[in-house]
Amino acid sequence: MRCLWSLCLLISTLSANAQHYFVFKARGIGETFRDCEGKPQRSVTGHAFVSLVRRDETLQQTIVDSTWGFVPNKRGMMALVATPGHSEATCIGDLGSADFMIEVDKATYEYAKNLKLKWVARQYGIFANVNCVDFVKAMLELITPEVKLPEIPTGGQPNTGGVAAGAAMSRQWYRLPKPFLSTLKRLNSVRDQEARQSLADANTPASPTNNAKSALSEGARRLFSTTRTKASVAEKNEIYNNLQFKLANDKQQFTIEEGENYPFTALVLPTDMNGDGVDELFVAFGNTFTSGNTGSEIVLFIKNSAGHYEKNLNFSGLVPEALSTGNGGYADLLIGGPDFEHPIWRWDGAKYTFFRKVNESVMATLKRTSIRALSQAYQRTIR
């Protein structure tokens, strides 16, 4: 089977005021399409491709930066760079009709750009020996952990648990990009809807209705742009307002009061430490202006009995590590920093409070798991 993927990767300078998207499209069996050299092709078993696009507010345009194609060979997936000057529209089509799309941050977009430079030099980081669905899964896992991928079906239809039709049926389904794309979209429907809404907002003149409480604010949208969480739109707005951030001039970073000249990035890390189905949300942000020598600030939001997220921690420190000890279902948290001794915070039934300090020799004996790793694993479970 010959199965072609088109991967759009960044080759031009990014606008400082832009929104960035992964866009997934698919063709069904027998449908025609144009490959990245503009040649007409007919899909025998199904064709799909991934593009990177951005909404440039300066130019007031939605731009497909470039296109890249993939075909299988004896070594796995071999890359073919699109013909210079070729119109990428023949590969992406109309963005509004995309089967599935998610918004990604500028850093992820830039990572894809750097990855492309390696692949142009034939320094491939991934190979797929089966089909192009396997390739897109490997590509997504390499670029970002934020997208929830369909499980390998056991037979019959995807994700239905089907009867034991065996591996042959699984491989047959994997040859059909449209079922894969529809399942991918279902698993990531919230991110797809938010991306479409943010793109629609970019094309909609400002009006009072844009500021309705039911709408995700511009700052909250940026803060949560790379995060999968169960938090509602209202809760995301509440958390953003509680942090008292302001969007920086580039609309990608944040600032605090009296720190407009010192923008910083922020990372939201949802977890469910006590297993109650409700997210706890760690926020790591800052720089030396906000946090001195540590260079970052840590805030933890935990929902109270009234259903509102309350601040915990809220001081300078590195992304916490969860210890094997704890209280009330919540892990003890070790907060790193520039000192030789580091604090451990413990849940007291209502909030996290200081428990004790440990030096680096004691730290080496503790069983620790990064909150970042816990969050990445947890986000993959959110549908």
Protein backbone atom coordinates (compact mmCIF):
# COMPACT_ATOMS: atom_id res chain seq x y z
CA MET A 1 0.00 0.00 0.00
CA ARG A 2 1.26 3.45 -0.88
CA CYS A 3 -0.07 6.08 1.49
CA LEU A 4 0.97 9.73 1.28
CA TRP A 5 0.95 12.19 4.22
CA SER A 6 1.33 15.92 3.85
CA LEU A 7 2.81 17.64 6.88
CA CYS A 8 2.80 21.43 6.86
CA LEU A 9 5.76 22.81 8.82
CA LEU A 10 6.93 26.32 9.44
CA ILE A 11 9.49 27.78 7.02
CA SER A 12 8.79 31.50 7.31
CA THR A 13 9.23 33.97 10.13
CA LEU A 14 6.37 33.82 12.62
CA SER A 15 4.26 36.86 13.26
CA ALA A 16 4.52 38.06 16.83
CA ASN A 17 0.74 38.41 16.94
CA ALA A 18 -0.54 35.07 15.65
CA GLN A 19 -2.51 31.99 16.60
CA HIS A 20 -1.14 28.58 15.66
CA TYR A 21 -2.97 25.40 14.72
CA PHE A 22 -2.52 21.75 13.82
CA VAL A 23 -5.11 20.90 11.15
CA PHE A 24 -5.99 17.32 10.22
CA LYS A 25 -7.87 16.39 7.03
CA ALA A 26 -8.70 13.07 5.41
CA ARG A 27 -9.91 11.65 2.08
CA GLY A 28 -12.05 8.58 1.73
CA ILE A 29 -11.52 5.55 -0.49
CA GLY A 30 -11.62 6.51 -4.15
CA GLU A 31 -11.56 10.27 -3.55
CA THR A 32 -9.11 12.34 -5.55
CA PHE A 33 -6.69 14.88 -4.17
CA ARG A 34 -3.59 16.76 -5.24
CA ASP A 35 -0.28 15.81 -3.69
CA CYS A 36 2.26 18.39 -2.55
CA GLU A 37 3.68 18.66 -6.07
CA GLY A 38 0.25 19.52 -7.39
CA LYS A 39 -0.23 16.20 -9.18
CA PRO A 40 -3.69 14.59 -9.04
CA GLN A 41 -3.84 11.35 -7.04
CA ARG A 42 -6.61 8.91 -6.26
CA SER A 43 -6.78 7.41 -2.78
CA VAL A 44 -7.00 3.62 -2.89
CA THR A 45 -7.27 2.97 0.85
CA GLY A 46 -7.71 6.52 2.15
CA HIS A 47 -5.45 9.56 2.39
CA ALA A 48 -4.93 12.05 5.21
CA PHE A 49 -2.54 14.85 6.05
CA VAL A 50 -1.55 17.24 8.83
CA SER A 51 -0.83 20.93 8.35
CA LEU A 52 0.51 23.72 10.51
CA VAL A 53 -1.31 26.98 9.94
CA ARG A 54 -1.40 30.32 11.70
CA ARG A 55 -3.76 33.25 11.95
CA ASP A 56 -1.72 36.42 11.34
CA GLU A 57 -3.51 39.41 12.88
CA THR A 58 -1.16 41.92 11.26
CA LEU A 59 -2.04 40.70 7.76
CA GLN A 60 -5.57 39.64 8.80
CA GLN A 61 -5.02 36.31 7.06
CA THR A 62 -5.01 32.62 7.87
CA ILE A 63 -1.75 31.29 6.47
CA VAL A 64 -0.57 27.78 5.58
CA ASP A 65 3.19 28.16 6.01
CA SER A 66 4.41 25.15 4.01
CA THR A 67 3.66 21.57 3.12
CA TRP A 68 5.62 18.37 3.53
CA GLY A 69 4.79 14.94 2.16
CA PHE A 70 5.62 11.43 3.39
CA VAL A 71 5.65 8.08 1.63
CA PRO A 72 6.74 4.67 2.98
CA ASN A 73 9.91 3.01 1.78
CA LYS A 74 12.15 0.22 3.02
CA ARG A 75 13.50 2.37 5.86
CA GLY A 76 10.08 3.52 6.99
CA MET A 77 8.66 6.96 6.28
CA MET A 78 10.80 8.95 3.85
CA ALA A 79 10.23 12.70 3.61
CA LEU A 80 9.71 14.56 0.36
CA VAL A 81 9.90 18.35 0.53
CA ALA A 82 7.24 20.14 -1.49
CA THR A 83 8.26 21.80 -4.73
CA PRO A 84 9.38 25.41 -3.98
CA GLY A 85 6.75 27.95 -4.90
CA HIS A 86 3.96 25.36 -5.04
CA SER A 87 0.63 26.56 -3.65
CA GLU A 88 -0.04 24.80 -0.37
CA ALA A 89 -3.76 25.28 -0.97
CA THR A 90 -3.69 22.16 -3.14
CA CYS A 91 -2.70 20.20 -0.03
CA ILE A 92 -4.71 21.85 2.72
CA GLY A 93 -7.84 23.02 0.98
CA ASP A 94 -10.19 25.27 2.93
CA LEU A 95 -9.27 25.60 6.61
CA GLY A 96 -12.91 26.04 7.58
CA SER A 97 -13.75 22.53 6.39
CA ALA A 98 -10.93 20.83 8.31
CA ASP A 99 -11.96 17.53 9.87
CA PHE A 100 -10.12 18.26 13.10
CA MET A 101 -8.02 21.10 14.45
CA ILE A 102 -6.33 22.13 17.67
CA GLU A 103 -4.63 25.34 18.71
CA VAL A 104 -1.01 24.99 19.82
CA ASP A 105 1.36 27.48 21.41
CA LYS A 106 4.17 29.24 19.60
CA ALA A 107 6.80 27.04 21.28
CA THR A 108 5.22 23.88 19.85
CA TYR A 109 5.06 25.53 16.45
CA GLU A 110 8.72 26.50 16.68
CA TYR A 111 9.62 22.94 17.72
CA ALA A 112 7.97 21.68 14.54
CA LYS A 113 10.04 24.19 12.59
CA ASN A 114 13.27 22.90 14.11
CA LEU A 115 12.17 19.31 13.55
CA LYS A 116 11.56 20.03 9.90
CA LEU A 117 15.09 21.35 9.49
CA LYS A 118 16.43 18.03 10.77
CA TRP A 119 14.17 16.03 8.48
CA VAL A 120 15.21 18.12 5.47
CA ALA A 121 18.75 16.95 6.27
CA ARG A 122 17.41 13.36 6.33
CA GLN A 123 17.93 13.16 10.10
CA TYR A 124 14.66 11.39 10.77
CA GLY A 125 13.44 11.00 14.32
CA ILE A 126 10.56 8.62 13.56
CA PHE A 127 9.73 5.87 11.10
CA ALA A 128 6.54 3.94 10.45
CA ASN A 129 6.67 0.54 8.78
CA VAL A 130 2.93 -0.16 8.54
CA ASN A 131 0.91 2.78 7.25
CA CYS A 132 0.38 6.50 7.48
CA VAL A 133 -1.91 6.34 10.51
CA ASP A 134 0.99 4.84 12.44
CA PHE A 135 3.10 7.71 11.18
CA VAL A 136 0.74 10.46 12.34
CA LYS A 137 0.49 8.81 15.76
CA ALA A 138 4.28 8.76 16.05
CA MET A 139 4.52 12.33 14.78
CA LEU A 140 2.00 13.61 17.34
CA GLU A 141 3.67 11.78 20.20
CA LEU A 142 7.00 13.32 19.20
CA ILE A 143 5.77 16.91 18.82
CA THR A 144 3.20 17.22 21.62
CA PRO A 145 1.69 15.06 24.37
CA GLU A 146 -1.48 17.17 24.43
CA VAL A 147 -3.45 15.27 21.78
CA LYS A 148 -5.28 12.16 22.95
CA LEU A 149 -4.80 9.41 20.37
CA PRO A 150 -7.20 6.57 19.57
CA GLU A 151 -6.30 3.16 20.94
CA ILE A 152 -5.55 0.36 18.50
CA PRO A 153 -8.94 -1.25 17.83
CA THR A 154 -9.35 -4.93 18.65
CA GLY A 155 -11.54 -5.59 15.63
CA GLY A 156 -14.66 -4.48 13.81
CA GLN A 157 -15.11 -0.74 14.42
CA PRO A 158 -12.67 1.62 16.16
CA ASN A 159 -13.02 1.94 19.93
CA THR A 160 -16.16 -0.19 20.14
CA GLY A 161 -14.40 -3.15 21.72
CA GLY A 162 -15.68 -5.27 18.75
CA VAL A 163 -15.51 -9.02 18.57
CA ALA A 164 -12.16 -10.71 18.12
CA ALA A 165 -11.71 -10.00 14.46
CA GLY A 166 -8.00 -10.13 15.13
CA ALA A 167 -5.02 -8.04 14.18
CA ALA A 168 -5.93 -8.19 10.49
CA MET A 169 -9.11 -6.18 11.16
CA SER A 170 -7.13 -3.66 13.20
CA ARG A 171 -4.67 -3.19 10.38
CA GLN A 172 -7.54 -2.84 7.90
CA TRP A 173 -9.12 -0.05 9.96
CA TYR A 174 -5.76 1.67 10.29
CA ARG A 175 -5.56 1.87 6.50
CA LEU A 176 -8.65 4.09 6.52
CA PRO A 177 -7.79 7.62 7.65
CA LYS A 178 -11.38 8.89 7.88
CA PRO A 179 -12.43 6.60 10.79
CA PHE A 180 -9.13 7.42 12.50
CA LEU A 181 -9.67 11.16 12.05
CA SER A 182 -13.29 11.00 13.24
CA THR A 183 -12.22 9.11 16.37
CA LEU A 184 -9.32 11.52 16.94
CA LYS A 185 -11.76 14.42 16.72
CA ARG A 186 -14.19 12.81 19.17
CA LEU A 187 -11.44 12.22 21.73
CA ASN A 188 -10.26 15.82 21.43
CA SER A 189 -13.59 17.52 20.77
CA VAL A 190 -13.08 20.24 23.40
CA ARG A 191 -9.75 21.32 21.89
CA ASP A 192 -11.27 21.19 18.41
CA GLN A 193 -14.21 23.38 19.46
CA GLU A 194 -12.01 25.89 21.28
CA ALA A 195 -9.66 26.14 18.30
CA ARG A 196 -12.54 26.72 15.92
CA GLN A 197 -14.02 29.31 18.28
CA SER A 198 -10.74 31.18 18.63
CA LEU A 199 -10.38 31.24 14.85
CA ALA A 200 -13.99 32.44 14.52
CA ASP A 201 -13.30 35.15 17.11
CA ALA A 202 -10.31 36.29 15.06
CA ASN A 203 -12.63 36.82 12.08
CA THR A 204 -15.44 38.45 14.09
CA PRO A 205 -15.52 42.21 14.77
CA ALA A 206 -15.33 43.09 18.46
CA SER A 207 -18.70 43.52 20.15
CA PRO A 208 -20.05 43.53 23.71
CA THR A 209 -21.14 39.90 23.33
CA ASN A 210 -17.49 38.86 22.99
CA ASN A 211 -17.04 39.70 26.66
CA ALA A 212 -19.91 37.60 27.93
CA LYS A 213 -19.18 35.49 30.99
CA SER A 214 -19.83 32.34 28.95
CA ALA A 215 -16.95 33.13 26.57
CA LEU A 216 -13.35 32.21 27.22
CA SER A 217 -11.37 35.41 27.72
CA GLU A 218 -8.40 36.09 25.49
CA GLY A 219 -5.97 35.73 28.39
CA ALA A 220 -7.52 32.49 29.64
CA ARG A 221 -7.53 31.07 26.14
CA ARG A 222 -3.80 31.71 25.85
CA LEU A 223 -3.08 30.38 29.35
CA PHE A 224 -4.87 27.08 28.67
CA SER A 225 -3.99 26.82 24.96
CA THR A 226 -1.77 23.73 25.36
CA THR A 227 -3.58 22.11 28.28
CA ARG A 228 -6.29 19.44 28.44
CA THR A 229 -8.38 19.94 31.55
CA LYS A 230 -11.87 19.25 32.86
CA ALA A 231 -12.14 22.86 34.04
CA SER A 232 -15.08 24.72 32.51
CA VAL A 233 -14.82 27.96 30.56
CA ALA A 234 -16.02 29.90 33.62
CA GLU A 235 -13.42 28.17 35.81
CA LYS A 236 -10.62 28.92 33.35
CA ASN A 237 -11.63 32.58 33.37
CA GLU A 238 -11.79 32.52 37.17
CA ILE A 239 -8.29 31.06 37.47
CA TYR A 240 -6.83 33.51 34.96
CA ASN A 241 -8.39 36.47 36.78
CA ASN A 242 -7.16 35.14 40.14
CA LEU A 243 -3.59 35.07 38.83
CA GLN A 244 -3.89 38.76 37.93
CA PHE A 245 -1.94 38.28 34.70
CA LYS A 246 -2.04 40.64 31.76
CA LEU A 247 -1.36 39.59 28.20
CA ALA A 248 1.99 40.90 26.97
CA ASN A 249 2.23 42.96 23.80
CA ASP A 250 3.00 39.85 21.73
CA LYS A 251 -0.23 38.20 22.96
CA GLN A 252 1.78 35.02 23.60
CA GLN A 253 3.28 35.79 27.01
CA PHE A 254 2.06 37.42 30.22
CA THR A 255 3.07 40.23 32.54
CA ILE A 256 2.18 41.35 36.04
CA GLU A 257 1.50 44.82 37.38
CA GLU A 258 4.54 47.12 37.10
CA GLY A 259 6.34 44.40 35.13
CA GLU A 260 5.17 45.20 31.60
CA ASN A 261 8.77 45.16 30.34
CA TYR A 262 9.43 41.66 31.73
CA PRO A 263 7.06 39.22 30.00
CA PHE A 264 7.06 35.54 30.94
CA THR A 265 5.49 32.26 29.87
CA ALA A 266 3.11 30.19 32.00
CA LEU A 267 2.42 26.46 32.08
CA VAL A 268 -0.77 24.88 33.46
CA LEU A 269 -0.37 21.32 34.79
CA PRO A 270 -3.66 19.59 35.71
CA THR A 271 -3.60 16.52 37.96
CA ASP A 272 -6.06 14.46 39.97
CA MET A 273 -3.95 13.48 42.97
CA ASN A 274 -6.83 12.31 45.17
CA GLY A 275 -8.70 10.52 42.38
CA ASP A 276 -12.00 12.37 42.89
CA GLY A 277 -12.41 13.23 39.21
CA VAL A 278 -11.84 16.95 39.82
CA ASP A 279 -8.71 18.64 38.50
CA GLU A 280 -6.10 20.24 40.68
CA LEU A 281 -4.29 22.83 38.56
CA PHE A 282 -0.64 23.73 39.07
CA VAL A 283 0.53 26.92 37.34
CA ALA A 284 4.27 27.49 36.85
CA PHE A 285 5.31 30.88 35.54
CA GLY A 286 7.70 33.76 35.85
CA ASN A 287 11.27 34.95 35.48
CA THR A 288 13.87 36.70 37.62
CA PHE A 289 11.67 39.81 37.80
CA THR A 290 8.76 37.92 39.36
CA SER A 291 10.70 35.29 41.29
CA GLY A 292 14.31 36.35 41.90
CA ASN A 293 17.07 33.76 41.60
CA THR A 294 14.56 30.89 41.47
CA GLY A 295 13.22 32.21 38.18
CA SER A 296 9.73 30.77 38.54
CA GLU A 297 6.61 30.93 40.67
CA ILE A 298 4.31 28.07 41.67
CA VAL A 299 0.59 28.36 42.31
CA LEU A 300 -1.77 25.44 42.93
CA PHE A 301 -5.53 25.78 42.47
CA ILE A 302 -7.75 23.28 44.34
CA LYS A 303 -11.54 23.39 44.25
CA ASN A 304 -13.16 24.12 47.61
CA SER A 305 -16.48 22.86 49.00
CA ALA A 306 -18.27 25.80 47.40
CA GLY A 307 -17.07 24.72 43.97
CA HIS A 308 -14.53 27.51 43.43
CA TYR A 309 -10.81 27.16 42.79
CA GLU A 310 -8.65 28.52 45.63
CA LYS A 311 -4.95 29.39 45.58
CA ASN A 312 -2.43 27.19 47.37
CA LEU A 313 1.35 27.57 47.58
CA ASN A 314 1.78 30.85 45.61
CA PHE A 315 5.51 31.46 46.09
CA SER A 316 8.81 31.18 44.24
CA GLY A 317 9.82 27.62 43.42
CA LEU A 318 10.35 25.04 40.72
CA VAL A 319 7.66 22.69 39.41
CA PRO A 320 6.89 20.48 42.45
CA GLU A 321 7.63 16.81 42.84
CA ALA A 322 5.00 14.52 44.37
CA LEU A 323 6.30 12.25 47.13
CA SER A 324 5.10 8.77 48.00
CA THR A 325 3.91 10.13 51.37
CA GLY A 326 0.87 12.34 51.83
CA ASN A 327 -2.39 12.99 53.65
CA GLY A 328 -6.07 12.75 52.74
CA GLY A 329 -5.34 11.41 49.29
CA TYR A 330 -3.06 14.32 48.38
CA ALA A 331 0.67 13.70 47.92
CA ASP A 332 3.26 15.63 49.89
CA LEU A 333 4.89 18.19 47.60
CA LEU A 334 8.61 18.89 47.44
CA ILE A 335 9.34 22.37 46.09
CA GLY A 336 12.81 22.82 44.63
CA GLY A 337 14.78 26.05 44.47
CA PRO A 338 18.26 27.58 44.65
CA ASP A 339 18.80 26.87 48.38
CA PHE A 340 20.50 23.81 49.88
CA GLU A 341 17.34 22.89 51.80
CA HIS A 342 13.92 22.51 50.22
CA PRO A 343 10.42 22.68 51.74
CA ILE A 344 7.86 19.88 51.79
CA TRP A 345 4.23 20.95 51.89
CA ARG A 346 1.44 18.69 53.17
CA TRP A 347 -2.34 18.73 52.77
CA ASP A 348 -4.09 19.45 56.10
CA GLY A 349 -7.61 18.64 54.95
CA ALA A 350 -8.38 22.10 53.62
CA LYS A 351 -5.17 23.46 52.10
CA TYR A 352 -1.46 22.78 51.63
CA THR A 353 0.69 23.99 54.55
CA PHE A 354 4.43 23.90 55.27
CA PHE A 355 5.47 20.52 56.75
CA ARG A 356 9.26 20.41 56.96
CA LYS A 357 12.53 21.07 55.14
CA VAL A 358 14.98 18.50 53.80
CA ASN A 359 18.54 18.85 52.60
CA GLU A 360 19.82 17.42 49.35
CA SER A 361 21.18 14.23 50.91
CA VAL A 362 17.75 13.44 52.35
CA MET A 363 16.10 14.38 49.04
CA ALA A 364 18.14 11.69 47.31
CA THR A 365 16.45 9.02 49.48
CA LEU A 366 12.88 10.16 48.75
CA LYS A 367 10.65 8.55 46.15
CA ARG A 368 9.69 11.46 43.89
CA THR A 369 7.61 11.93 40.73
CA SER A 370 7.56 15.18 38.80
CA ILE A 371 4.19 16.93 38.69
CA ARG A 372 4.96 17.61 35.04
CA ALA A 373 5.14 13.86 34.32
CA LEU A 374 2.01 13.17 36.38
CA SER A 375 0.15 15.88 34.50
CA GLN A 376 1.16 14.61 31.06
CA ALA A 377 -0.05 11.12 31.97
CA TYR A 378 -3.29 12.49 33.45
CA GLN A 379 -4.07 14.68 30.42
CA ARG A 380 -3.96 11.61 28.18
CA THR A 381 -6.91 10.19 30.14
CA ILE A 382 -9.13 13.24 29.60
CA ARG A 383 -11.67 12.83 26.82
